C-alpha atoms as a PDB file:
ATOM      1  CA  UNK A   1     -48.890  -2.230 -26.351  1.00  0.00           C
ATOM      2  CA  UNK A   2     -47.957  -1.230 -22.821  1.00  0.00           C
ATOM      3  CA  UNK A   3     -49.161   2.121 -21.565  1.00  0.00           C
ATOM      4  CA  UNK A   4     -46.355   2.062 -18.996  1.00  0.00           C
ATOM      5  CA  UNK A   5     -43.727   1.694 -21.719  1.00  0.00           C
ATOM      6  CA  UNK A   6     -45.306   4.474 -23.781  1.00  0.00           C
ATOM      7  CA  UNK A   7     -45.460   6.827 -20.794  1.00  0.00           C
ATOM      8  CA  UNK A   8     -41.841   6.123 -19.836  1.00  0.00           C
ATOM      9  CA  UNK A   9     -40.606   6.559 -23.409  1.00  0.00           C
ATOM     10  CA  UNK A  10     -42.814   9.405 -24.676  1.00  0.00           C
ATOM     11  CA  UNK A  11     -43.734  11.124 -21.423  1.00  0.00           C
ATOM     12  CA  UNK A  12     -47.429  10.598 -22.179  1.00  0.00           C
ATOM     13  CA  UNK A  13     -49.872   7.975 -23.331  1.00  0.00           C
ATOM     14  CA  UNK A  14     -51.143   8.969 -26.774  1.00  0.00           C
ATOM     15  CA  UNK A  15     -54.707   8.180 -27.814  1.00  0.00           C
ATOM     16  CA  UNK A  16     -54.733   4.487 -28.597  1.00  0.00           C
ATOM     17  CA  UNK A  17     -57.003   1.658 -29.550  1.00  0.00           C
ATOM     18  CA  UNK A  18     -56.131  -1.779 -28.233  1.00  0.00           C
ATOM     19  CA  UNK A  19     -57.174  -5.088 -29.733  1.00  0.00           C
ATOM     20  CA  UNK A  20     -56.469  -4.197 -33.327  1.00  0.00           C
ATOM     21  CA  UNK A  21     -55.559  -7.160 -35.516  1.00  0.00           C
ATOM     22  CA  UNK A  22     -52.652  -7.516 -37.926  1.00  0.00           C
ATOM     23  CA  UNK A  23     -53.554 -10.443 -40.181  1.00  0.00           C
ATOM     24  CA  UNK A  24     -51.032 -12.862 -41.727  1.00  0.00           C
ATOM     25  CA  UNK A  25     -48.358 -12.116 -39.114  1.00  0.00           C
ATOM     26  CA  UNK A  26     -47.113 -13.859 -35.990  1.00  0.00           C
ATOM     27  CA  UNK A  27     -45.316 -12.611 -32.868  1.00  0.00           C
ATOM     28  CA  UNK A  28     -42.565 -14.616 -31.188  1.00  0.00           C
ATOM     29  CA  UNK A  29     -40.115 -14.133 -28.323  1.00  0.00           C
ATOM     30  CA  UNK A  30     -36.720 -12.792 -29.309  1.00  0.00           C
ATOM     31  CA  UNK A  31     -34.214 -15.314 -27.957  1.00  0.00           C
ATOM     32  CA  UNK A  32     -32.497 -14.160 -24.739  1.00  0.00           C
ATOM     33  CA  UNK A  33     -34.700 -11.033 -24.532  1.00  0.00           C
ATOM     34  CA  UNK A  34     -38.075 -10.208 -22.990  1.00  0.00           C
ATOM     35  CA  UNK A  35     -39.563  -8.499 -26.057  1.00  0.00           C
ATOM     36  CA  UNK A  36     -41.054  -9.976 -29.245  1.00  0.00           C
ATOM     37  CA  UNK A  37     -40.550  -9.802 -32.952  1.00  0.00           C
ATOM     38  CA  UNK A  38     -43.442  -9.687 -35.405  1.00  0.00           C
ATOM     39  CA  UNK A  39     -42.932 -11.429 -38.721  1.00  0.00           C
ATOM     40  CA  UNK A  40     -45.057 -12.131 -41.790  1.00  0.00           C
ATOM     41  CA  UNK A  41     -46.618 -15.573 -41.676  1.00  0.00           C
ATOM     42  CA  UNK A  42     -47.424 -17.978 -44.471  1.00  0.00           C
ATOM     43  CA  UNK A  43     -50.455 -19.146 -42.502  1.00  0.00           C
ATOM     44  CA  UNK A  44     -53.592 -17.295 -43.525  1.00  0.00           C
ATOM     45  CA  UNK A  45     -55.019 -17.901 -40.042  1.00  0.00           C
ATOM     46  CA  UNK A  46     -52.103 -16.185 -38.275  1.00  0.00           C
ATOM     47  CA  UNK A  47     -52.740 -12.824 -36.670  1.00  0.00           C
ATOM     48  CA  UNK A  48     -51.266 -10.524 -34.059  1.00  0.00           C
ATOM     49  CA  UNK A  49     -53.265  -8.416 -31.642  1.00  0.00           C
ATOM     50  CA  UNK A  50     -51.786  -5.027 -30.887  1.00  0.00           C
ATOM     51  CA  UNK A  51     -52.473  -1.372 -30.208  1.00  0.00           C
ATOM     52  CA  UNK A  52     -52.973   1.436 -32.683  1.00  0.00           C
ATOM     53  CA  UNK A  53     -51.520   4.795 -31.622  1.00  0.00           C
ATOM     54  CA  UNK A  54     -52.947   8.107 -32.798  1.00  0.00           C
ATOM     55  CA  UNK A  55     -51.707  11.700 -32.924  1.00  0.00           C
ATOM     56  CA  UNK A  56     -47.991  10.980 -32.597  1.00  0.00           C
ATOM     57  CA  UNK A  57     -45.742  13.973 -33.138  1.00  0.00           C
ATOM     58  CA  UNK A  58     -42.698  13.685 -35.399  1.00  0.00           C
ATOM     59  CA  UNK A  59     -40.507  13.754 -32.279  1.00  0.00           C
ATOM     60  CA  UNK A  60     -42.496  10.911 -30.702  1.00  0.00           C
ATOM     61  CA  UNK A  61     -42.147   8.896 -33.886  1.00  0.00           C
ATOM     62  CA  UNK A  62     -38.370   9.491 -33.778  1.00  0.00           C
ATOM     63  CA  UNK A  63     -38.343   8.291 -30.161  1.00  0.00           C
ATOM     64  CA  UNK A  64     -40.258   5.136 -31.124  1.00  0.00           C
ATOM     65  CA  UNK A  65     -37.904   4.515 -34.063  1.00  0.00           C
ATOM     66  CA  UNK A  66     -34.908   4.952 -31.767  1.00  0.00           C
ATOM     67  CA  UNK A  67     -36.411   2.632 -29.161  1.00  0.00           C
ATOM     68  CA  UNK A  68     -37.307  -0.039 -31.713  1.00  0.00           C
ATOM     69  CA  UNK A  69     -33.917   0.325 -33.401  1.00  0.00           C
ATOM     70  CA  UNK A  70     -35.675   0.979 -36.701  1.00  0.00           C
ATOM     71  CA  UNK A  71     -33.515  -0.215 -39.555  1.00  0.00           C
ATOM     72  CA  UNK A  72     -31.454  -2.478 -37.275  1.00  0.00           C
ATOM     73  CA  UNK A  73     -33.821  -4.838 -35.426  1.00  0.00           C
ATOM     74  CA  UNK A  74     -37.125  -3.726 -36.914  1.00  0.00           C
ATOM     75  CA  UNK A  75     -38.405  -2.036 -40.047  1.00  0.00           C
ATOM     76  CA  UNK A  76     -41.327   0.384 -39.742  1.00  0.00           C
ATOM     77  CA  UNK A  77     -43.520  -1.075 -42.450  1.00  0.00           C
ATOM     78  CA  UNK A  78     -46.815  -0.089 -44.060  1.00  0.00           C
ATOM     79  CA  UNK A  79     -49.532  -2.542 -43.016  1.00  0.00           C
ATOM     80  CA  UNK A  80     -53.294  -2.789 -42.775  1.00  0.00           C
ATOM     81  CA  UNK A  81     -54.919  -3.532 -39.430  1.00  0.00           C
ATOM     82  CA  UNK A  82     -58.457  -4.437 -38.565  1.00  0.00           C
ATOM     83  CA  UNK A  83     -60.423  -2.794 -35.791  1.00  0.00           C
ATOM     84  CA  UNK A  84     -62.920  -5.536 -34.961  1.00  0.00           C
ATOM     85  CA  UNK A  85     -65.638  -3.350 -33.451  1.00  0.00           C
ATOM     86  CA  UNK A  86     -65.653   0.294 -34.509  1.00  0.00           C
ATOM     87  CA  UNK A  87     -68.762   0.974 -32.402  1.00  0.00           C
ATOM     88  CA  UNK A  88     -66.773   0.242 -29.225  1.00  0.00           C
ATOM     89  CA  UNK A  89     -64.333   3.083 -29.903  1.00  0.00           C
ATOM     90  CA  UNK A  90     -64.577   6.218 -27.819  1.00  0.00           C
ATOM     91  CA  UNK A  91     -65.852   9.234 -29.742  1.00  0.00           C
ATOM     92  CA  UNK A  92     -62.465  10.941 -30.263  1.00  0.00           C
ATOM     93  CA  UNK A  93     -60.814   7.791 -31.601  1.00  0.00           C
ATOM     94  CA  UNK A  94     -63.855   6.957 -33.736  1.00  0.00           C
ATOM     95  CA  UNK A  95     -63.452  10.369 -35.398  1.00  0.00           C
ATOM     96  CA  UNK A  96     -59.735   9.705 -35.972  1.00  0.00           C
ATOM     97  CA  UNK A  97     -60.510   6.266 -37.441  1.00  0.00           C
ATOM     98  CA  UNK A  98     -63.170   7.669 -39.745  1.00  0.00           C
ATOM     99  CA  UNK A  99     -60.865  10.453 -40.901  1.00  0.00           C
ATOM    100  CA  UNK A 100     -58.007   8.019 -41.587  1.00  0.00           C
ATOM    101  CA  UNK A 101     -59.938   5.151 -43.151  1.00  0.00           C
ATOM    102  CA  UNK A 102     -60.372   4.198 -46.760  1.00  0.00           C
ATOM    103  CA  UNK A 103     -63.403   6.199 -47.909  1.00  0.00           C
ATOM    104  CA  UNK A 104     -64.418   3.428 -50.330  1.00  0.00           C
ATOM    105  CA  UNK A 105     -64.980   0.741 -47.685  1.00  0.00           C
ATOM    106  CA  UNK A 106     -68.426   0.031 -46.319  1.00  0.00           C
ATOM    107  CA  UNK A 107     -67.661  -1.985 -43.175  1.00  0.00           C
ATOM    108  CA  UNK A 108     -70.375  -1.810 -40.541  1.00  0.00           C
ATOM    109  CA  UNK A 109     -68.822  -3.798 -37.710  1.00  0.00           C
ATOM    110  CA  UNK A 110     -65.144  -3.658 -38.613  1.00  0.00           C
ATOM    111  CA  UNK A 111     -62.738  -1.227 -40.222  1.00  0.00           C
ATOM    112  CA  UNK A 112     -59.461  -1.771 -42.063  1.00  0.00           C
ATOM    113  CA  UNK A 113     -56.896   0.971 -41.602  1.00  0.00           C
ATOM    114  CA  UNK A 114     -53.583   1.612 -43.259  1.00  0.00           C
ATOM    115  CA  UNK A 115     -50.900   2.289 -40.682  1.00  0.00           C
ATOM    116  CA  UNK A 116     -47.366   1.210 -39.854  1.00  0.00           C
ATOM    117  CA  UNK A 117     -45.957  -1.518 -37.639  1.00  0.00           C
ATOM    118  CA  UNK A 118     -42.477  -2.481 -36.521  1.00  0.00           C
ATOM    119  CA  UNK A 119     -41.727  -5.760 -38.308  1.00  0.00           C
ATOM    120  CA  UNK A 120     -38.724  -7.904 -37.327  1.00  0.00           C
ATOM    121  CA  UNK A 121     -35.865  -7.225 -39.732  1.00  0.00           C
ATOM    122  CA  UNK A 122     -33.161  -9.600 -38.531  1.00  0.00           C
ATOM    123  CA  UNK A 123     -32.827 -13.301 -39.224  1.00  0.00           C
ATOM    124  CA  UNK A 124     -35.801 -15.257 -37.877  1.00  0.00           C
ATOM    125  CA  UNK A 125     -33.323 -17.634 -36.206  1.00  0.00           C
ATOM    126  CA  UNK A 126     -33.133 -14.963 -33.481  1.00  0.00           C
ATOM    127  CA  UNK A 127     -36.811 -15.667 -32.722  1.00  0.00           C
ATOM    128  CA  UNK A 128     -38.275 -18.643 -30.903  1.00  0.00           C
ATOM    129  CA  UNK A 129     -40.832 -19.442 -33.580  1.00  0.00           C
ATOM    130  CA  UNK A 130     -42.008 -22.531 -31.683  1.00  0.00           C
ATOM    131  CA  UNK A 131     -44.081 -20.308 -29.393  1.00  0.00           C
ATOM    132  CA  UNK A 132     -46.044 -17.090 -29.439  1.00  0.00           C
ATOM    133  CA  UNK A 133     -44.967 -14.147 -27.269  1.00  0.00           C
ATOM    134  CA  UNK A 134     -47.312 -13.689 -24.311  1.00  0.00           C
ATOM    135  CA  UNK A 135     -48.080 -10.032 -23.511  1.00  0.00           C
ATOM    136  CA  UNK A 136     -49.842 -10.821 -20.224  1.00  0.00           C
ATOM    137  CA  UNK A 137     -46.875 -12.893 -19.026  1.00  0.00           C
ATOM    138  CA  UNK A 138     -44.565 -10.032 -19.997  1.00  0.00           C
ATOM    139  CA  UNK A 139     -46.689  -7.536 -18.024  1.00  0.00           C
ATOM    140  CA  UNK A 140     -46.858  -9.787 -14.982  1.00  0.00           C
ATOM    141  CA  UNK A 141     -43.277 -11.064 -14.861  1.00  0.00           C
ATOM    142  CA  UNK A 142     -41.019  -8.667 -16.760  1.00  0.00           C
ATOM    143  CA  UNK A 143     -42.545  -5.217 -17.213  1.00  0.00           C
ATOM    144  CA  UNK A 144     -41.014  -3.567 -14.125  1.00  0.00           C
ATOM    145  CA  UNK A 145     -37.548  -4.866 -15.011  1.00  0.00           C
ATOM    146  CA  UNK A 146     -38.016  -3.819 -18.649  1.00  0.00           C
ATOM    147  CA  UNK A 147     -39.023  -0.279 -17.697  1.00  0.00           C
ATOM    148  CA  UNK A 148     -36.044   0.135 -15.361  1.00  0.00           C
ATOM    149  CA  UNK A 149     -33.329  -1.527 -17.412  1.00  0.00           C
ATOM    150  CA  UNK A 150     -34.422  -1.020 -21.030  1.00  0.00           C
ATOM    151  CA  UNK A 151     -36.992   1.725 -21.556  1.00  0.00           C
ATOM    152  CA  UNK A 152     -35.690   4.350 -19.114  1.00  0.00           C
ATOM    153  CA  UNK A 153     -32.040   3.999 -20.255  1.00  0.00           C
ATOM    154  CA  UNK A 154     -33.192   4.162 -23.887  1.00  0.00           C
ATOM    155  CA  UNK A 155     -35.124   7.365 -23.194  1.00  0.00           C
ATOM    156  CA  UNK A 156     -32.049   8.844 -21.481  1.00  0.00           C
ATOM    157  CA  UNK A 157     -29.858   7.923 -24.494  1.00  0.00           C
ATOM    158  CA  UNK A 158     -32.437   9.305 -26.913  1.00  0.00           C
ATOM    159  CA  UNK A 159     -32.480  12.635 -25.096  1.00  0.00           C
ATOM    160  CA  UNK A 160     -28.740  12.952 -25.751  1.00  0.00           C
ATOM    161  CA  UNK A 161     -28.955  11.732 -29.352  1.00  0.00           C
ATOM    162  CA  UNK A 162     -32.124  13.058 -30.941  1.00  0.00           C
ATOM    163  CA  UNK A 163     -33.679  15.615 -28.623  1.00  0.00           C
END
């Protein structure tokens, strides 16, 4: 969700749409860490707001998988997200959404897209499920530390491992 994290990890900020909704999921702090885990929820009213990234190269997807520890902490999973207001999209992203959407849907003010999300794979006991993870608090209080001590070192490791 953070443009700063994406830029540090990928070296650019890909086209993205914020405020997309993943229904029937919740996001909680990972205990003793500053990042969250997203898990399926039994509550039909649960949802997670996030960002949808477009035009990722295969190398960028490998970098994201490496960063998210795909297969260890998270599983990149097929999901459907809702874009609440398609008319608010800039023209380039609107074209990408139209080209990637289900041709059979007839939504006027919202669009459902198939995509992928990193879903928490480990035991939910590692999450503080009594509270939701707060992105704005993370940005305000922890982002600079996270960039310096997590994202940048991960990018450096990835360059040695997968680049």
